Amino acid sequence: MPEFRAGASPLFLRDDDLRQGLDLLFVAGRDLAAAADAGLEKEGLGRAHHRALYFVGRNPGLPVGGLMAILGITKQSLSRVLKDLSARGLIAQAVGADDRRERRLALTEKGQALEQALTAPQRALMASAYRAAGAEAVAGFRTVLGGLRKR
């Protein structure tokens, strides 16, 4: 496991510092996802199911195309996940008001409860890290992560 140094060098664009940032992102992503794994396993679901539940929960009425764009996956891949979630009574699909071909997604009460339970350990990890880092560091973290998004 790489050694992580606190603080940034004034030469933060050096290869070693960039690689340390990548190391931290990979490890943090692994640990954050793993925080929900026990709950997912208990339900017989995978991380793709959790991501769908999470983003539909954050965006009730989200069209299927919007979820595909957020997750960066194909319609075929998302279709399997939505079929599983619908069959379990976790997600509901409604016809769009303006375009009847459009399907809008929302969590059922059961889906909301599961999403909350799966995400609770992740929120706790984020809260602990945010508390330890402080408001200024959290703002910087958000700026950096926002800068990593594809445009």
Protein backbone atom coordinates (compact mmCIF):
# COMPACT_ATOMS: atom_id res chain seq x y z
CA MET A 1 0.00 0.00 0.00
CA PRO A 2 1.42 3.42 -0.90
CA GLU A 3 2.32 5.86 1.84
CA PHE A 4 0.07 8.92 1.84
CA ARG A 5 1.52 12.29 2.75
CA ALA A 6 -0.66 14.99 4.26
CA GLY A 7 -0.64 18.39 2.64
CA ALA A 8 0.22 19.36 -0.89
CA SER A 9 3.61 20.26 -2.20
CA PRO A 10 3.95 23.65 -3.88
CA LEU A 11 4.88 21.49 -6.87
CA PHE A 12 1.53 19.66 -6.79
CA LEU A 13 1.60 18.93 -10.53
CA ARG A 14 4.66 16.69 -10.25
CA ASP A 15 4.08 13.11 -11.37
CA ASP A 16 4.54 11.74 -7.84
CA ASP A 17 1.88 14.09 -6.43
CA LEU A 18 -0.52 13.35 -9.29
CA ARG A 19 -0.04 9.62 -8.76
CA GLN A 20 -0.64 10.01 -5.03
CA GLY A 21 -3.92 11.74 -5.86
CA LEU A 22 -4.87 8.84 -8.13
CA ASP A 23 -3.87 6.35 -5.42
CA LEU A 24 -6.13 8.12 -2.95
CA LEU A 25 -9.06 8.25 -5.38
CA PHE A 26 -8.80 4.55 -6.19
CA VAL A 27 -8.52 3.49 -2.54
CA ALA A 28 -11.24 5.87 -1.36
CA GLY A 29 -13.58 4.73 -4.14
CA ARG A 30 -12.96 1.11 -3.21
CA ASP A 31 -13.63 1.73 0.48
CA LEU A 32 -16.67 3.92 -0.12
CA ALA A 33 -18.26 1.32 -2.41
CA ALA A 34 -17.39 -1.48 0.02
CA ALA A 35 -19.29 0.30 2.79
CA ALA A 36 -22.55 -0.71 1.07
CA ASP A 37 -21.48 -4.20 -0.03
CA ALA A 38 -22.83 -6.13 2.98
CA GLY A 39 -26.30 -4.64 2.50
CA LEU A 40 -26.19 -5.30 -1.23
CA GLU A 41 -25.11 -8.90 -0.70
CA LYS A 42 -27.93 -9.44 1.79
CA GLU A 43 -30.40 -8.23 -0.85
CA GLY A 44 -28.76 -10.16 -3.69
CA LEU A 45 -27.96 -6.93 -5.52
CA GLY A 46 -24.79 -5.46 -6.98
CA ARG A 47 -23.14 -2.07 -7.05
CA ALA A 48 -24.87 -1.16 -10.33
CA HIS A 49 -28.22 -1.59 -8.56
CA HIS A 50 -27.05 0.68 -5.74
CA ARG A 51 -25.91 3.39 -8.15
CA ALA A 52 -29.29 3.30 -9.90
CA LEU A 53 -31.18 3.44 -6.59
CA TYR A 54 -28.99 6.29 -5.38
CA PHE A 55 -29.39 8.53 -8.42
CA VAL A 56 -33.10 7.84 -8.89
CA GLY A 57 -33.56 8.62 -5.19
CA ARG A 58 -31.69 11.89 -5.62
CA ASN A 59 -33.66 12.75 -8.78
CA PRO A 60 -37.28 11.52 -8.55
CA GLY A 61 -38.92 11.54 -11.98
CA LEU A 62 -35.57 11.11 -13.72
CA PRO A 63 -36.01 9.83 -17.28
CA VAL A 64 -34.28 6.57 -18.19
CA GLY A 65 -32.06 8.50 -20.64
CA GLY A 66 -30.99 10.84 -17.86
CA LEU A 67 -29.98 7.92 -15.65
CA MET A 68 -28.05 6.40 -18.55
CA ALA A 69 -26.17 9.68 -18.95
CA ILE A 70 -25.37 9.98 -15.23
CA LEU A 71 -24.13 6.38 -14.99
CA GLY A 72 -22.41 6.39 -18.38
CA ILE A 73 -23.88 3.01 -19.36
CA THR A 74 -25.82 1.63 -22.30
CA LYS A 75 -29.56 1.16 -22.44
CA GLN A 76 -29.03 -2.60 -22.53
CA SER A 77 -26.97 -2.59 -19.32
CA LEU A 78 -29.39 -0.29 -17.52
CA SER A 79 -32.39 -2.30 -18.70
CA ARG A 80 -31.21 -5.39 -16.79
CA VAL A 81 -30.71 -3.38 -13.60
CA LEU A 82 -34.08 -1.62 -13.88
CA LYS A 83 -35.83 -4.92 -14.57
CA ASP A 84 -34.34 -6.38 -11.36
CA LEU A 85 -35.25 -3.33 -9.29
CA SER A 86 -38.79 -3.18 -10.70
CA ALA A 87 -39.36 -6.90 -10.10
CA ARG A 88 -38.34 -6.43 -6.45
CA GLY A 89 -40.74 -3.51 -6.03
CA LEU A 90 -37.92 -1.02 -5.44
CA ILE A 91 -38.42 1.26 -8.42
CA ALA A 92 -41.49 2.47 -10.29
CA GLN A 93 -41.63 3.60 -13.90
CA ALA A 94 -44.21 6.06 -15.20
CA VAL A 95 -44.91 7.31 -18.69
CA GLY A 96 -43.64 10.83 -19.38
CA ALA A 97 -46.24 13.60 -19.35
CA ASP A 98 -45.05 15.26 -22.57
CA ASP A 99 -43.63 12.24 -24.39
CA ARG A 100 -45.46 8.96 -23.81
CA ARG A 101 -42.39 7.01 -25.03
CA GLU A 102 -40.35 8.42 -22.15
CA ARG A 103 -40.16 6.44 -18.91
CA ARG A 104 -39.70 8.38 -15.68
CA LEU A 105 -38.20 6.64 -12.66
CA ALA A 106 -38.94 6.96 -8.96
CA LEU A 107 -38.20 4.87 -5.90
CA THR A 108 -41.03 3.10 -4.14
CA GLU A 109 -41.24 3.36 -0.35
CA LYS A 110 -39.40 0.04 -0.17
CA GLY A 111 -36.78 1.39 -2.59
CA GLN A 112 -36.33 4.55 -0.55
CA ALA A 113 -35.80 2.53 2.60
CA LEU A 114 -33.22 0.29 0.94
CA GLU A 115 -31.39 3.22 -0.67
CA GLN A 116 -31.19 4.96 2.70
CA ALA A 117 -29.89 1.82 4.41
CA LEU A 118 -27.26 1.18 1.73
CA THR A 119 -26.07 4.77 1.61
CA ALA A 120 -26.03 5.40 5.39
CA PRO A 121 -22.57 3.86 5.95
CA GLN A 122 -21.23 5.84 3.00
CA ARG A 123 -22.68 9.08 4.35
CA ALA A 124 -21.09 8.30 7.71
CA LEU A 125 -17.67 7.85 6.06
CA MET A 126 -18.10 11.13 4.16
CA ALA A 127 -19.22 12.98 7.31
CA SER A 128 -16.23 11.70 9.26
CA ALA A 129 -13.78 12.69 6.52
CA TYR A 130 -15.44 16.09 6.05
CA ARG A 131 -15.37 16.75 9.81
CA ALA A 132 -11.67 15.87 10.00
CA ALA A 133 -10.75 17.98 6.96
CA GLY A 134 -12.78 21.13 7.68
CA ALA A 135 -14.91 23.37 5.49
CA GLU A 136 -12.09 24.84 3.41
CA ALA A 137 -10.71 21.41 2.53
CA VAL A 138 -14.20 20.15 1.66
CA ALA A 139 -14.66 23.09 -0.71
CA GLY A 140 -11.30 22.28 -2.32
CA PHE A 141 -12.21 18.60 -2.58
CA ARG A 142 -15.44 19.47 -4.38
CA THR A 143 -13.57 21.76 -6.74
CA VAL A 144 -11.06 19.04 -7.59
CA LEU A 145 -13.72 16.35 -8.09
CA GLY A 146 -15.81 18.74 -10.18
CA GLY A 147 -12.76 19.38 -12.35
CA LEU A 148 -12.37 15.65 -13.01
CA ARG A 149 -15.80 15.34 -14.64
CA LYS A 150 -16.00 14.95 -18.39
CA ARG A 151 -17.52 17.95 -20.03
